[in-house]
């Protein structure tokens, strides 16, 4: 590990996080990193709930507040931070997550490798045992982290964790389109400039699960629509003649996954035709489809804060995530990316 750690700026974009911002800042200031080489910049997206006053209370401990004059969204908040950066490395952190004690150093240490331009933390989905909102979310996050681990071994990942990632200062631009996703684009920008992006297993970030399937559904619609817009903006990276193995990785990990949602209407019609055609010889097929549909509806209507059985959360998460993806395509075709940030309110831990 390097003795002379690089200067870093930790940016925390937030909107109306009065309930969590103090604990977040206390956690950041307690992380194992030289205080004289750490700059914490909170960007308030015109918060109205007292968040700014709480952040001002940390001014004497090296925390700077930058307030936007009107709501413009998360990416706009990140853009605004560009003129206030002091570090060689920029670390982006969500206001509602918790970072493991040694995670910050682990994330920054990989930049000793001059080929690395972006480093992504490892999301760990957590929730209260007595108030589990959505266990299906945990399974998806674990799968995504596994894929990123494989991509890192191959050479580079195609998307970073929006909750916790770092980038070299020269790759952090203040003019990035406000409707798009910087965390996804950061890896694309790195590749454009000849750098790699990696996932760092030793840098876990504990991300509270959504309090309900409906909250996770709304989040997915927004993030998927913005992701599609980002991929369109950087679509030249899908050219394997110019970007080699990165192009098929980007196509398979991102675009192929999203294209599946476009087939959902045809898939539903086909499944119904098969079920009705086989209803006389194999009635269990139709019964199974009815059971899955009922599980999805019950999962959607499940009271917030009550433990949801895995038999409901797993099929419910799969079904509604794909419905969210279909709606994201609709928003993408309409050019509506929901740039105004609506953070998912997650249960306190």
Protein backbone atom coordinates (compact mmCIF):
# COMPACT_ATOMS: atom_id res chain seq x y z
CA UNK A 1 0.00 0.00 0.00
CA UNK A 2 1.38 3.46 -0.84
CA UNK A 3 2.71 5.54 2.02
CA UNK A 4 1.99 8.82 0.27
CA UNK A 5 -1.71 8.63 -0.50
CA UNK A 6 -3.06 10.82 -3.32
CA UNK A 7 -5.30 13.76 -2.59
CA UNK A 8 -8.93 12.83 -3.05
CA UNK A 9 -12.24 14.65 -3.20
CA UNK A 10 -15.25 12.71 -1.95
CA UNK A 11 -18.42 14.04 -3.56
CA UNK A 12 -21.79 13.36 -1.93
CA UNK A 13 -24.70 14.52 -4.13
CA UNK A 14 -27.92 14.59 -2.13
CA UNK A 15 -31.49 15.79 -2.04
CA UNK A 16 -33.48 16.05 1.22
CA UNK A 17 -31.32 13.63 3.20
CA UNK A 18 -31.68 15.27 6.61
CA UNK A 19 -32.38 11.91 8.23
CA UNK A 20 -29.19 10.27 7.00
CA UNK A 21 -26.60 12.88 6.01
CA UNK A 22 -25.11 13.38 9.49
CA UNK A 23 -24.49 9.66 9.94
CA UNK A 24 -23.06 9.47 6.42
CA UNK A 25 -20.60 12.29 7.05
CA UNK A 26 -19.57 10.88 10.44
CA UNK A 27 -18.88 7.59 8.72
CA UNK A 28 -16.83 9.22 5.96
CA UNK A 29 -14.75 11.24 8.40
CA UNK A 30 -14.05 8.10 10.42
CA UNK A 31 -12.71 6.16 7.43
CA UNK A 32 -9.04 5.21 7.42
CA UNK A 33 -7.56 7.87 5.14
CA UNK A 34 -5.19 10.79 5.87
CA UNK A 35 -7.37 13.75 6.82
CA UNK A 36 -4.99 16.25 5.21
CA UNK A 37 -5.37 14.50 1.86
CA UNK A 38 -9.16 14.14 1.96
CA UNK A 39 -11.70 16.73 0.85
CA UNK A 40 -15.42 16.05 1.37
CA UNK A 41 -17.80 17.99 -0.89
CA UNK A 42 -21.56 17.69 -0.35
CA UNK A 43 -23.62 18.90 -3.30
CA UNK A 44 -27.18 19.71 -2.26
CA UNK A 45 -29.69 19.56 -5.11
CA UNK A 46 -31.67 22.50 -3.64
CA UNK A 47 -32.69 20.50 -0.56
CA UNK A 48 -35.61 21.87 1.46
CA UNK A 49 -35.61 19.72 4.62
CA UNK A 50 -32.67 21.12 6.60
CA UNK A 51 -29.99 18.98 4.93
CA UNK A 52 -27.87 22.06 4.18
CA UNK A 53 -27.87 23.26 7.80
CA UNK A 54 -26.72 19.86 8.99
CA UNK A 55 -23.87 19.83 6.47
CA UNK A 56 -22.80 23.35 7.46
CA UNK A 57 -22.33 22.01 10.98
CA UNK A 58 -19.43 19.90 9.65
CA UNK A 59 -17.59 22.85 8.08
CA UNK A 60 -15.00 22.92 10.84
CA UNK A 61 -14.14 19.29 10.12
CA UNK A 62 -13.28 19.79 6.47
CA UNK A 63 -16.67 19.28 4.86
CA UNK A 64 -17.67 21.75 2.14
CA UNK A 65 -21.25 22.44 1.06
CA UNK A 66 -22.18 23.36 -2.51
CA UNK A 67 -25.86 24.17 -2.92
CA UNK A 68 -27.60 24.31 -6.30
CA UNK A 69 -30.03 27.20 -6.66
CA UNK A 70 -32.74 24.94 -8.12
CA UNK A 71 -33.38 21.22 -8.53
CA UNK A 72 -31.59 19.85 -11.56
CA UNK A 73 -30.88 16.19 -10.80
CA UNK A 74 -28.04 13.98 -9.64
CA UNK A 75 -25.85 14.30 -12.73
CA UNK A 76 -26.21 18.10 -12.62
CA UNK A 77 -25.07 18.01 -8.99
CA UNK A 78 -22.06 15.92 -9.99
CA UNK A 79 -21.28 18.34 -12.83
CA UNK A 80 -21.41 21.28 -10.43
CA UNK A 81 -18.77 19.59 -8.28
CA UNK A 82 -16.22 19.70 -11.11
CA UNK A 83 -15.13 23.28 -10.34
CA UNK A 84 -14.61 22.52 -6.63
CA UNK A 85 -12.49 19.37 -6.92
CA UNK A 86 -9.16 19.41 -5.12
CA UNK A 87 -8.06 15.81 -5.42
CA UNK A 88 -6.26 13.76 -8.04
CA UNK A 89 -8.93 11.09 -7.50
CA UNK A 90 -12.67 11.82 -7.30
CA UNK A 91 -14.74 9.43 -5.17
CA UNK A 92 -18.52 9.50 -5.68
CA UNK A 93 -20.64 8.26 -2.76
CA UNK A 94 -24.40 8.13 -2.25
CA UNK A 95 -25.76 9.75 0.90
CA UNK A 96 -27.60 6.64 2.13
CA UNK A 97 -24.87 3.99 2.08
CA UNK A 98 -22.20 2.93 4.54
CA UNK A 99 -18.59 2.22 3.61
CA UNK A 100 -16.52 -0.53 5.25
CA UNK A 101 -13.59 0.87 7.32
CA UNK A 102 -10.83 -0.09 4.87
CA UNK A 103 -12.86 0.28 1.68
CA UNK A 104 -11.75 3.81 0.78
CA UNK A 105 -8.05 2.98 0.85
CA UNK A 106 -8.70 -0.24 -1.08
CA UNK A 107 -10.56 1.71 -3.76
CA UNK A 108 -7.92 4.43 -4.09
CA UNK A 109 -4.97 2.02 -3.95
CA UNK A 110 -5.80 0.48 -7.34
CA UNK A 111 -4.91 3.77 -9.03
CA UNK A 112 -1.26 2.90 -8.46
CA UNK A 113 -1.77 0.99 -11.70
CA UNK A 114 -1.45 3.70 -14.38
CA UNK A 115 -3.75 1.75 -16.74
CA UNK A 116 -6.75 2.09 -14.39
CA UNK A 117 -9.00 5.12 -14.82
CA UNK A 118 -12.08 4.06 -12.84
CA UNK A 119 -12.52 1.87 -9.77
CA UNK A 120 -15.93 0.62 -8.62
CA UNK A 121 -16.81 -0.49 -5.12
CA UNK A 122 -18.59 -3.78 -4.45
CA UNK A 123 -22.25 -3.31 -3.56
CA UNK A 124 -23.49 -5.42 -0.66
CA UNK A 125 -27.28 -5.40 -0.39
CA UNK A 126 -28.36 -5.32 3.25
CA UNK A 127 -31.67 -5.14 5.09
CA UNK A 128 -33.29 -5.61 8.46
CA UNK A 129 -34.25 -9.19 9.25
CA UNK A 130 -37.56 -8.06 10.75
CA UNK A 131 -38.45 -5.60 7.97
CA UNK A 132 -37.21 -7.14 4.75
CA UNK A 133 -38.61 -5.22 1.85
CA UNK A 134 -37.26 -7.18 -1.09
CA UNK A 135 -34.93 -10.19 -0.95
CA UNK A 136 -35.01 -10.49 -4.74
CA UNK A 137 -33.00 -7.28 -4.95
CA UNK A 138 -30.19 -8.91 -2.97
CA UNK A 139 -29.95 -11.80 -5.42
CA UNK A 140 -29.73 -9.45 -8.39
CA UNK A 141 -27.02 -7.32 -6.75
CA UNK A 142 -24.96 -10.43 -5.96
CA UNK A 143 -25.23 -11.60 -9.57
CA UNK A 144 -24.22 -8.19 -10.91
CA UNK A 145 -21.15 -8.11 -8.64
CA UNK A 146 -20.18 -11.59 -9.85
CA UNK A 147 -20.35 -10.41 -13.47
CA UNK A 148 -18.21 -7.37 -12.68
CA UNK A 149 -15.66 -9.61 -10.99
CA UNK A 150 -15.38 -11.71 -14.15
CA UNK A 151 -15.08 -8.60 -16.32
CA UNK A 152 -12.29 -7.28 -14.11
CA UNK A 153 -10.37 -10.51 -14.59
CA UNK A 154 -10.81 -10.17 -18.36
CA UNK A 155 -9.62 -6.57 -18.30
CA UNK A 156 -12.34 -3.97 -17.69
CA UNK A 157 -15.89 -3.57 -16.44
CA UNK A 158 -18.54 -1.79 -18.52
CA UNK A 159 -20.40 -0.01 -15.69
CA UNK A 160 -19.53 1.21 -12.19
CA UNK A 161 -21.58 1.23 -9.02
CA UNK A 162 -23.44 4.53 -8.71
CA UNK A 163 -23.25 4.24 -4.92
CA UNK A 164 -19.46 4.09 -4.60
CA UNK A 165 -16.90 4.56 -7.36
CA UNK A 166 -13.78 6.60 -8.07
CA UNK A 167 -12.29 8.14 -11.19
CA UNK A 168 -9.17 10.03 -12.14
CA UNK A 169 -9.64 13.79 -12.07
CA UNK A 170 -8.79 14.18 -15.76
CA UNK A 171 -11.72 11.88 -16.67
CA UNK A 172 -14.25 13.82 -14.60
CA UNK A 173 -15.93 16.41 -16.82
CA UNK A 174 -18.35 19.09 -15.67
CA UNK A 175 -20.25 19.19 -18.94
CA UNK A 176 -21.64 15.66 -18.99
CA UNK A 177 -25.31 15.59 -20.21
CA UNK A 178 -27.54 16.04 -17.17
CA UNK A 179 -30.14 13.49 -18.31
CA UNK A 180 -27.61 10.63 -18.46
CA UNK A 181 -25.80 8.41 -15.93
CA UNK A 182 -22.26 9.33 -14.95
CA UNK A 183 -21.54 6.03 -13.13
CA UNK A 184 -22.24 3.99 -16.28
CA UNK A 185 -20.55 6.53 -18.55
CA UNK A 186 -17.43 6.72 -16.36
CA UNK A 187 -16.30 3.30 -17.57
CA UNK A 188 -17.06 4.23 -21.17
CA UNK A 189 -15.13 7.48 -20.86
CA UNK A 190 -12.21 5.59 -19.34
CA UNK A 191 -12.13 3.18 -22.28
CA UNK A 192 -12.31 6.07 -24.77
CA UNK A 193 -9.20 7.52 -23.16
CA UNK A 194 -7.24 4.27 -23.09
CA UNK A 195 -7.87 3.37 -19.44
CA UNK A 196 -9.40 0.32 -17.79
CA UNK A 197 -12.20 0.24 -15.22
CA UNK A 198 -12.19 -2.39 -12.46
CA UNK A 199 -14.36 -3.68 -9.65
CA UNK A 200 -12.61 -3.78 -6.26
CA UNK A 201 -13.69 -6.68 -4.04
CA UNK A 202 -11.93 -5.13 -1.05
CA UNK A 203 -14.07 -1.98 -1.25
CA UNK A 204 -17.55 -3.02 -0.09
CA UNK A 205 -20.37 -0.51 0.23
CA UNK A 206 -23.40 -1.55 2.26
CA UNK A 207 -26.52 -0.53 0.37
CA UNK A 208 -29.86 -0.77 2.20
CA UNK A 209 -32.48 -2.61 0.20
CA UNK A 210 -35.55 -0.73 -0.94
CA UNK A 211 -38.39 -0.69 1.55
CA UNK A 212 -40.84 -2.02 -1.04
CA UNK A 213 -41.01 -3.55 -4.48
CA UNK A 214 -42.80 -0.45 -5.76
CA UNK A 215 -39.91 1.79 -4.66
CA UNK A 216 -37.41 -0.47 -6.41
CA UNK A 217 -39.62 -0.50 -9.53
CA UNK A 218 -39.59 3.30 -9.76
CA UNK A 219 -35.82 3.36 -9.29
CA UNK A 220 -35.28 0.81 -12.03
CA UNK A 221 -37.42 2.68 -14.55
CA UNK A 222 -35.33 5.80 -13.98
CA UNK A 223 -31.91 4.10 -14.00
CA UNK A 224 -32.65 1.90 -17.02
CA UNK A 225 -34.01 4.76 -19.11
CA UNK A 226 -30.94 6.86 -18.26
CA UNK A 227 -28.70 3.88 -18.99
CA UNK A 228 -30.22 3.46 -22.45
CA UNK A 229 -29.70 7.14 -23.13
CA UNK A 230 -26.10 6.89 -21.97
CA UNK A 231 -25.43 3.91 -24.22
CA UNK A 232 -26.90 5.75 -27.19
CA UNK A 233 -24.69 8.75 -26.37
CA UNK A 234 -21.59 6.50 -26.35
CA UNK A 235 -22.80 4.01 -28.98
CA UNK A 236 -19.54 4.24 -30.95
CA UNK A 237 -18.01 2.05 -28.23
CA UNK A 238 -20.03 -0.87 -29.62
CA UNK A 239 -17.63 -0.98 -32.59
CA UNK A 240 -15.36 -4.03 -32.10
CA UNK A 241 -13.04 -2.92 -34.89
CA UNK A 242 -12.04 0.10 -32.84
CA UNK A 243 -12.58 -1.00 -29.23
CA UNK A 244 -11.85 -4.71 -29.44
CA UNK A 245 -13.23 -7.04 -26.76
CA UNK A 246 -14.80 -4.14 -24.89
CA UNK A 247 -17.49 -3.77 -27.58
CA UNK A 248 -18.98 -7.30 -27.26
CA UNK A 249 -18.74 -7.07 -23.46
CA UNK A 250 -20.72 -3.84 -23.54
CA UNK A 251 -23.23 -5.34 -25.97
CA UNK A 252 -23.76 -8.55 -23.97
CA UNK A 253 -23.77 -7.07 -20.46
CA UNK A 254 -25.87 -4.01 -21.12
CA UNK A 255 -27.70 -3.96 -24.45
CA UNK A 256 -28.60 -7.67 -24.61
CA UNK A 257 -30.03 -7.55 -21.11
CA UNK A 258 -32.14 -4.51 -21.96
CA UNK A 259 -33.25 -5.94 -25.31
CA UNK A 260 -34.90 -8.82 -23.47
CA UNK A 261 -37.46 -6.43 -22.00
CA UNK A 262 -38.49 -5.35 -25.48
CA UNK A 263 -39.61 -8.94 -26.17
CA UNK A 264 -41.85 -9.15 -23.11
CA UNK A 265 -45.16 -8.47 -24.89
CA UNK A 266 -44.44 -11.19 -27.44
CA UNK A 267 -43.21 -13.50 -24.69
CA UNK A 268 -46.41 -12.99 -22.70
CA UNK A 269 -48.62 -13.67 -25.73
CA UNK A 270 -46.61 -16.76 -26.64
CA UNK A 271 -46.73 -18.12 -23.10
CA UNK A 272 -50.51 -17.66 -22.94
CA UNK A 273 -51.00 -19.44 -26.27
CA UNK A 274 -48.85 -22.36 -25.12
CA UNK A 275 -50.64 -22.54 -21.77
CA UNK A 276 -54.13 -22.58 -23.30
CA UNK A 277 -53.08 -25.05 -26.01
CA UNK A 278 -51.73 -27.42 -23.37
CA UNK A 279 -54.49 -26.82 -20.82
CA UNK A 280 -56.20 -30.14 -21.65
CA UNK A 281 -53.09 -32.33 -21.69
CA UNK A 282 -50.88 -30.43 -19.24
CA UNK A 283 -53.08 -28.23 -17.02
CA UNK A 284 -50.15 -27.66 -14.66
CA UNK A 285 -48.64 -25.23 -17.22
CA UNK A 286 -51.62 -22.89 -17.04
CA UNK A 287 -51.82 -23.37 -13.28
CA UNK A 288 -48.17 -22.49 -12.90
CA UNK A 289 -48.60 -19.30 -14.91
CA UNK A 290 -51.60 -18.29 -12.80
CA UNK A 291 -49.57 -18.96 -9.65
CA UNK A 292 -46.66 -16.84 -10.89
CA UNK A 293 -49.00 -14.00 -11.85
CA UNK A 294 -50.65 -14.14 -8.45
CA UNK A 295 -47.23 -14.07 -6.75
CA UNK A 296 -46.25 -10.97 -8.72
CA UNK A 297 -49.48 -9.18 -7.79
CA UNK A 298 -49.16 -10.11 -4.09
CA UNK A 299 -45.52 -8.97 -4.05
CA UNK A 300 -46.55 -5.61 -5.54
CA UNK A 301 -49.29 -5.15 -2.94
CA UNK A 302 -47.20 -6.38 0.00
CA UNK A 303 -47.29 -3.92 2.95
CA UNK A 304 -44.13 -1.84 3.26
CA UNK A 305 -41.91 -2.84 6.17
CA UNK A 306 -43.32 -6.34 6.59
CA UNK A 307 -41.12 -9.39 5.88
CA UNK A 308 -41.85 -10.71 2.38
CA UNK A 309 -41.48 -14.49 1.83
CA UNK A 310 -38.89 -15.49 -0.75
CA UNK A 311 -41.64 -17.33 -2.67
CA UNK A 312 -43.13 -13.89 -3.36
CA UNK A 313 -40.08 -11.63 -3.49
CA UNK A 314 -38.09 -13.63 -6.05
CA UNK A 315 -40.79 -13.98 -8.76
CA UNK A 316 -42.12 -10.51 -7.90
CA UNK A 317 -38.72 -8.90 -8.33
CA UNK A 318 -38.10 -10.71 -11.63
CA UNK A 319 -41.49 -9.78 -13.06
CA UNK A 320 -41.61 -6.14 -12.02
CA UNK A 321 -37.96 -5.51 -12.90
CA UNK A 322 -38.69 -6.58 -16.45
CA UNK A 323 -41.87 -4.51 -16.57
CA UNK A 324 -39.75 -1.57 -15.39
CA UNK A 325 -37.31 -2.30 -18.20
CA UNK A 326 -40.12 -2.26 -20.76
CA UNK A 327 -41.35 1.11 -19.47
CA UNK A 328 -37.75 2.38 -19.55
CA UNK A 329 -37.63 1.56 -23.26
CA UNK A 330 -40.86 3.52 -23.75
CA UNK A 331 -39.33 6.51 -21.96
CA UNK A 332 -36.13 6.14 -23.98
CA UNK A 333 -38.01 6.19 -27.29
CA UNK A 334 -39.90 9.27 -26.07
CA UNK A 335 -36.66 10.94 -24.99
CA UNK A 336 -37.77 11.20 -21.34
CA UNK A 337 -34.98 10.25 -18.93
CA UNK A 338 -36.25 11.72 -15.62
CA UNK A 339 -33.20 13.92 -15.01
CA UNK A 340 -34.69 15.36 -11.80
CA UNK A 341 -33.35 13.18 -9.04
CA UNK A 342 -35.84 11.27 -6.90
CA UNK A 343 -33.67 9.26 -4.51
CA UNK A 344 -35.10 5.95 -3.33
CA UNK A 345 -35.93 6.32 0.34
CA UNK A 346 -34.55 3.22 1.99
CA UNK A 347 -35.18 2.04 5.56
CA UNK A 348 -32.64 3.13 8.13
CA UNK A 349 -30.31 0.41 9.34
